Amino acid sequence: MLSGELTSREFTFRIHQRYGHELPLTERLAALDDEYDILEYGDRTVDQVDAEVTAEAHRLAAHPTVAAEPTDLPS
């Protein structure tokens, strides 16, 4: 999404479909996907939700990665 390959809406939809609301790291993106679905009933605009998705994507991109396996094992 940050490189322009997906729209904000497509990005949140894919995250939501794959992980639902169960993964704490991406739960906010799933909630934002829900926001897109109810825009016509609320007071937010597409641009506002897009901006929040972009901010969340930047936050996740800056999040340090955690190795699946420990790399510094005691001797």
Protein backbone atom coordinates (compact mmCIF):
# COMPACT_ATOMS: atom_id res chain seq x y z
CA MET A 1 0.00 0.00 0.00
CA LEU A 2 2.77 2.42 0.90
CA SER A 3 4.46 1.77 -2.45
CA GLY A 4 1.22 2.45 -4.32
CA GLU A 5 0.46 -1.12 -5.36
CA LEU A 6 -2.79 -1.24 -3.37
CA THR A 7 -5.31 1.38 -2.39
CA SER A 8 -5.94 1.92 1.31
CA ARG A 9 -9.28 0.17 0.93
CA GLU A 10 -7.76 -2.86 -0.81
CA PHE A 11 -5.04 -3.07 1.83
CA THR A 12 -7.44 -3.07 4.77
CA PHE A 13 -9.75 -5.53 3.01
CA ARG A 14 -6.92 -8.02 2.46
CA ILE A 15 -5.66 -7.72 6.03
CA HIS A 16 -9.19 -8.10 7.40
CA GLN A 17 -9.94 -11.13 5.21
CA ARG A 18 -6.69 -12.86 6.15
CA TYR A 19 -6.42 -12.09 9.87
CA GLY A 20 -9.82 -10.83 10.96
CA HIS A 21 -9.78 -9.03 14.30
CA GLU A 22 -7.73 -11.71 16.04
CA LEU A 23 -4.19 -10.48 15.38
CA PRO A 24 -3.40 -7.57 17.73
CA LEU A 25 -0.76 -6.14 15.36
CA THR A 26 -3.27 -5.66 12.54
CA GLU A 27 -6.54 -5.34 14.46
CA ARG A 28 -6.71 -1.58 13.83
CA LEU A 29 -6.54 -2.17 10.08
CA ALA A 30 -9.40 -4.68 10.31
CA ALA A 31 -11.42 -2.09 12.23
CA LEU A 32 -10.66 0.50 9.56
CA ASP A 33 -11.91 -1.94 6.92
CA ASP A 34 -15.18 -1.99 8.86
CA GLU A 35 -15.13 1.83 8.82
CA TYR A 36 -15.11 1.79 5.00
CA ASP A 37 -18.23 -0.39 5.09
CA ILE A 38 -20.21 2.10 7.21
CA LEU A 39 -19.03 5.41 5.73
CA GLU A 40 -22.47 6.25 4.36
CA TYR A 41 -23.98 5.98 7.85
CA GLY A 42 -21.36 7.96 9.76
CA ASP A 43 -19.73 11.35 9.71
CA ARG A 44 -16.31 10.33 8.41
CA THR A 45 -15.11 10.68 4.83
CA VAL A 46 -13.13 8.27 2.66
CA ASP A 47 -10.20 10.70 2.82
CA GLN A 48 -10.24 10.63 6.63
CA VAL A 49 -10.22 6.83 6.77
CA ASP A 50 -7.55 6.68 4.02
CA ALA A 51 -5.36 9.01 6.08
CA GLU A 52 -5.76 6.85 9.17
CA VAL A 53 -4.94 3.69 7.18
CA THR A 54 -1.81 5.35 5.81
CA ALA A 55 -0.74 6.43 9.30
CA GLU A 56 -1.29 2.90 10.61
CA ALA A 57 0.67 1.40 7.70
CA HIS A 58 3.56 3.77 8.43
CA ARG A 59 3.41 2.80 12.11
CA LEU A 60 3.55 -0.90 11.23
CA ALA A 61 6.36 -0.37 8.72
CA ALA A 62 8.40 1.35 11.42
CA HIS A 63 7.65 -1.43 13.93
CA PRO A 64 10.79 -3.43 14.64
CA THR A 65 10.63 -6.96 13.34
CA VAL A 66 10.80 -9.84 15.74
CA ALA A 67 12.62 -13.02 14.74
CA ALA A 68 10.49 -16.15 14.73
CA GLU A 69 13.33 -18.04 16.41
CA PRO A 70 15.70 -16.64 19.04
CA THR A 71 19.02 -15.69 17.48
CA ASP A 72 21.00 -15.03 20.64
CA LEU A 73 20.97 -18.34 22.46
CA PRO A 74 23.03 -18.67 25.64
CA SER A 75 26.18 -20.77 25.31
